[in-house]
Protein backbone atom coordinates (compact mmCIF):
# COMPACT_ATOMS: atom_id res chain seq x y z
CA MET A 1 -31.77 -29.66 23.92
CA THR A 2 -33.36 -29.47 20.41
CA ARG A 3 -31.63 -27.07 18.95
CA GLU A 4 -28.25 -28.43 20.15
CA ARG A 5 -28.99 -32.30 18.81
CA GLY A 6 -30.49 -30.33 15.53
CA VAL A 7 -26.83 -28.98 15.09
CA PHE A 8 -25.08 -32.02 16.00
CA ALA A 9 -27.11 -33.81 12.86
CA SER A 10 -26.55 -31.38 10.70
CA ARG A 11 -22.65 -32.03 10.69
CA GLY A 12 -22.65 -35.74 10.65
CA TYR A 13 -23.42 -36.92 14.58
CA VAL A 14 -25.75 -39.18 15.76
CA ALA A 15 -27.79 -37.57 17.81
CA LEU A 16 -29.08 -39.15 20.89
CA HIS A 17 -31.37 -37.75 23.75
CA VAL A 18 -32.12 -39.74 26.77
CA ASP A 19 -35.76 -40.18 28.16
CA TYR A 20 -34.84 -40.80 32.11
CA ARG A 21 -36.97 -43.06 34.17
CA GLY A 22 -40.22 -41.55 34.82
CA HIS A 23 -39.89 -38.86 31.80
CA ALA A 24 -42.03 -39.06 28.53
CA GLU A 25 -42.44 -42.68 27.84
CA SER A 26 -39.84 -44.66 29.88
CA THR A 27 -41.03 -46.43 32.92
CA ASP A 28 -41.66 -44.88 36.54
CA ASP A 29 -39.25 -45.42 39.30
CA PRO A 30 -40.71 -44.10 42.64
CA ARG A 31 -37.28 -44.39 44.00
CA SER A 32 -35.89 -41.52 41.70
CA ASP A 33 -36.19 -38.82 44.22
CA ARG A 34 -34.92 -40.45 47.05
CA ASP A 35 -32.13 -42.16 45.51
CA LEU A 36 -31.00 -38.60 44.05
CA ARG A 37 -31.69 -39.53 41.03
CA LEU A 38 -28.27 -41.88 40.62
CA GLY A 39 -30.60 -43.80 38.14
CA TYR A 40 -30.75 -41.07 35.34
CA SER A 41 -26.61 -41.90 35.32
CA ALA A 42 -27.60 -45.61 35.22
CA ASP A 43 -29.84 -44.53 31.88
CA VAL A 44 -27.47 -42.81 30.22
CA ILE A 45 -25.19 -45.56 30.59
CA ALA A 46 -27.56 -47.78 29.28
CA ALA A 47 -28.15 -45.48 26.37
CA VAL A 48 -24.51 -45.36 25.25
CA LYS A 49 -24.33 -49.26 25.48
CA ALA A 50 -27.66 -49.70 23.45
CA LEU A 51 -26.41 -47.37 20.77
CA ARG A 52 -23.20 -49.51 20.37
CA ALA A 53 -24.93 -52.67 19.99
CA SER A 54 -28.01 -51.38 17.51
CA PRO A 55 -27.54 -53.06 14.32
CA ASP A 56 -29.86 -50.17 13.11
CA VAL A 57 -27.44 -46.97 13.84
CA PRO A 58 -23.95 -47.35 12.59
CA VAL A 59 -22.26 -44.96 15.28
CA ASP A 60 -18.45 -45.30 15.41
CA ASP A 61 -17.59 -46.87 18.32
CA ASP A 62 -14.45 -45.05 19.52
CA ARG A 63 -16.21 -41.52 19.32
CA ILE A 64 -19.02 -41.39 21.40
CA ALA A 65 -19.40 -37.95 23.60
CA LEU A 66 -22.01 -37.25 26.47
CA MET A 67 -23.37 -34.06 26.97
CA GLY A 68 -25.58 -32.33 29.89
CA ARG A 69 -27.01 -29.53 30.62
CA SER A 70 -28.04 -28.43 34.14
CA MET A 71 -29.04 -31.71 35.84
CA GLY A 72 -28.05 -33.36 33.07
CA GLY A 73 -24.77 -32.05 33.90
CA GLY A 74 -24.63 -33.88 37.34
CA VAL A 75 -25.98 -36.80 35.76
CA VAL A 76 -23.65 -36.69 33.40
CA MET A 77 -20.26 -36.15 35.86
CA LYS A 78 -21.83 -39.13 37.93
CA ALA A 79 -21.82 -41.34 34.45
CA LEU A 80 -18.38 -40.65 33.61
CA ILE A 81 -17.09 -41.41 37.41
CA ALA A 82 -19.10 -44.61 37.70
CA SER A 83 -18.20 -46.40 34.05
CA PRO A 84 -14.64 -45.02 33.31
CA GLY A 85 -13.56 -45.63 30.06
CA LEU A 86 -17.16 -45.35 28.93
CA VAL A 87 -17.09 -42.95 26.11
CA GLN A 88 -14.45 -40.85 25.10
CA ALA A 89 -15.25 -37.08 25.98
CA ALA A 90 -17.82 -35.04 27.68
CA SER A 91 -19.32 -31.55 27.87
CA LEU A 92 -21.07 -30.16 30.63
CA TRP A 93 -23.20 -26.79 30.10
CA ALA A 94 -24.86 -24.59 33.06
CA SER A 95 -23.86 -27.68 35.21
CA VAL A 96 -26.17 -28.20 39.03
CA SER A 97 -23.26 -28.34 41.54
CA SER A 98 -20.59 -31.13 41.98
CA LEU A 99 -21.78 -31.10 45.96
CA GLU A 100 -25.48 -32.94 46.44
CA GLY A 101 -25.96 -30.55 49.09
CA GLU A 102 -25.62 -27.65 47.16
CA THR A 103 -28.04 -29.08 44.74
CA PHE A 104 -30.11 -29.75 47.21
CA ASP A 105 -30.33 -26.66 49.21
CA HIS A 106 -30.86 -24.63 45.87
CA PHE A 107 -33.27 -26.59 44.05
CA ILE A 108 -35.37 -28.82 46.37
CA ARG A 109 -35.48 -27.40 50.17
CA ARG A 110 -37.15 -24.15 49.41
CA ASP A 111 -39.97 -25.91 47.35
CA ASP A 112 -41.31 -28.27 50.83
CA ASP A 113 -42.94 -30.61 48.58
CA SER A 114 -42.97 -34.39 48.53
CA ARG A 115 -39.78 -35.23 46.63
CA GLY A 116 -37.83 -33.19 49.29
CA ALA A 117 -39.61 -35.12 52.31
CA ALA A 118 -38.63 -38.25 50.79
CA ILE A 119 -35.03 -37.01 50.44
CA VAL A 120 -34.93 -35.57 53.88
CA THR A 121 -36.57 -38.82 55.37
CA ALA A 122 -34.64 -41.49 53.97
CA HIS A 123 -30.82 -39.64 54.59
CA GLY A 124 -31.66 -36.68 56.51
CA LEU A 125 -30.57 -32.83 55.86
CA PRO A 126 -26.90 -32.02 54.39
CA GLU A 127 -26.25 -30.25 57.69
CA ASP A 128 -27.42 -33.18 60.14
CA GLU A 129 -25.87 -35.71 57.78
CA PRO A 130 -22.51 -34.22 56.12
CA ASP A 131 -20.74 -37.90 55.89
CA PHE A 132 -23.77 -39.32 53.68
CA TRP A 133 -24.15 -36.29 51.64
CA ALA A 134 -20.20 -35.68 50.52
CA ALA A 135 -20.21 -39.50 50.02
CA ALA A 136 -23.22 -38.99 47.30
CA SER A 137 -21.23 -36.26 45.39
CA ALA A 138 -19.74 -36.51 42.55
CA ARG A 139 -16.60 -34.01 44.00
CA PRO A 140 -14.76 -36.50 45.81
CA TYR A 141 -14.54 -38.52 42.84
CA LEU A 142 -13.99 -36.28 39.99
CA SER A 143 -10.20 -36.89 40.50
CA THR A 144 -10.73 -40.56 38.88
CA ILE A 145 -12.75 -39.51 35.41
CA THR A 146 -10.19 -40.45 32.68
CA GLU A 147 -11.77 -38.79 29.64
CA PRO A 148 -11.26 -35.03 28.67
CA VAL A 149 -14.05 -32.35 30.25
CA LEU A 150 -15.23 -29.40 28.57
CA ILE A 151 -17.17 -27.53 31.25
CA VAL A 152 -18.99 -24.22 30.36
CA HIS A 153 -20.97 -21.71 32.22
CA GLY A 154 -22.20 -18.41 32.45
CA ARG A 155 -20.83 -16.08 34.42
CA VAL A 156 -24.60 -14.53 35.03
CA ASP A 157 -26.65 -17.58 35.62
CA ASP A 158 -30.14 -17.68 37.16
CA THR A 159 -30.67 -20.98 37.28
CA CYS A 160 -27.23 -23.09 38.21
CA PRO A 161 -25.19 -20.16 39.80
CA PRO A 162 -22.02 -20.88 40.23
CA ARG A 163 -20.27 -19.57 43.31
CA TRP A 164 -17.14 -18.46 41.81
CA ALA A 165 -18.85 -16.87 38.96
CA ARG A 166 -21.25 -14.61 41.24
CA PRO A 167 -20.98 -11.19 40.04
CA PRO A 168 -20.84 -8.34 42.60
CA PRO A 169 -23.73 -6.14 43.83
CA GLY A 170 -24.55 -3.72 40.89
CA ARG A 171 -22.74 -5.22 38.02
CA HIS A 172 -23.87 -3.32 34.39
CA ALA A 173 -26.32 -5.84 32.92
CA ALA A 174 -23.90 -5.93 29.48
CA SER A 175 -22.17 -8.55 31.54
CA ARG A 176 -25.20 -11.01 31.24
CA GLY A 177 -24.90 -14.02 29.08
CA ARG A 178 -21.00 -13.62 28.90
CA LEU A 179 -19.36 -17.94 29.25
CA ASP A 180 -16.50 -18.83 31.09
CA ALA A 181 -14.87 -21.94 29.53
CA ARG A 182 -12.35 -24.60 31.59
CA VAL A 183 -11.53 -27.11 29.28
CA VAL A 184 -9.93 -30.51 31.41
CA ARG A 185 -7.95 -31.99 28.47
CA ARG A 186 -6.31 -35.22 30.14
CA ARG A 187 -5.69 -37.70 27.13
CA ALA A 188 -7.16 -36.46 23.89
CA ARG A 189 -9.28 -34.30 22.25
CA LEU A 190 -12.40 -35.43 21.07
CA ARG A 191 -12.42 -35.90 16.85
CA THR A 192 -14.89 -34.61 14.51
CA GLY A 193 -16.04 -35.78 11.26
CA VAL A 194 -17.18 -39.58 10.02
CA ARG A 195 -14.60 -42.62 9.49
CA ARG A 196 -15.59 -44.88 6.52
CA ARG A 197 -15.17 -48.59 7.54
CA ASP A 198 -16.22 -51.89 5.73
CA GLY A 199 -18.82 -54.19 6.83
CA PRO A 200 -20.21 -57.48 5.53
CA HIS A 201 -22.50 -55.71 3.28
CA GLY A 202 -19.61 -53.52 1.85
CA PRO A 203 -18.64 -49.54 2.80
CA LEU A 204 -20.80 -48.02 6.13
CA LEU A 205 -20.15 -44.58 7.51
CA ARG A 206 -19.55 -44.87 10.86
CA ARG A 207 -21.04 -41.84 12.77
CA PRO A 208 -19.63 -40.11 15.78
CA ALA A 209 -21.99 -39.99 18.57
CA VAL A 210 -23.44 -36.95 21.01
CA ILE A 211 -25.48 -38.31 23.93
CA SER A 212 -27.57 -35.51 25.40
CA SER A 213 -28.73 -35.78 28.80
């Protein structure tokens, strides 16, 4: 999401990208796939706390949002569930399913690789262990999310096709790229701009922050 981070930064936001465990220079975690990447959500939560605690990056503590695309959308959902009140808002773009079984079927089952084998060995297939796969999903807990969430998904999406938006056969190509936006506002809207606060070394610009995953 280099483009998106650039847009946010140009408008006065601190834009932080999370390198999950096993990515870039982060420490590897051999259990990541078996644990259905729950550790990625832990990494996002840790990133928020680290950003707030950093003396080198002046962020506005009560204006931090999460943004995730595709797999990152699923990661953000679980971070919101695991740590209510951590941030003030979130946005999901073309997110994977909130049901782990659907995500497994679409992205992993068909690959027939070691990642899928590790998951099946540990947890069984979704049709064989429905209780586990339901409990491991975000959907049963979505009502516990306390932050306003913006969800944006393409009506025609080859990577993460939402079941509710699959076009009928023969739909004209001109409809491709049209976006549906579903906005859930529960408490407040994310405010924009920068706020000036006085610190021990004089006036300091405190910036809102967006953390992408």
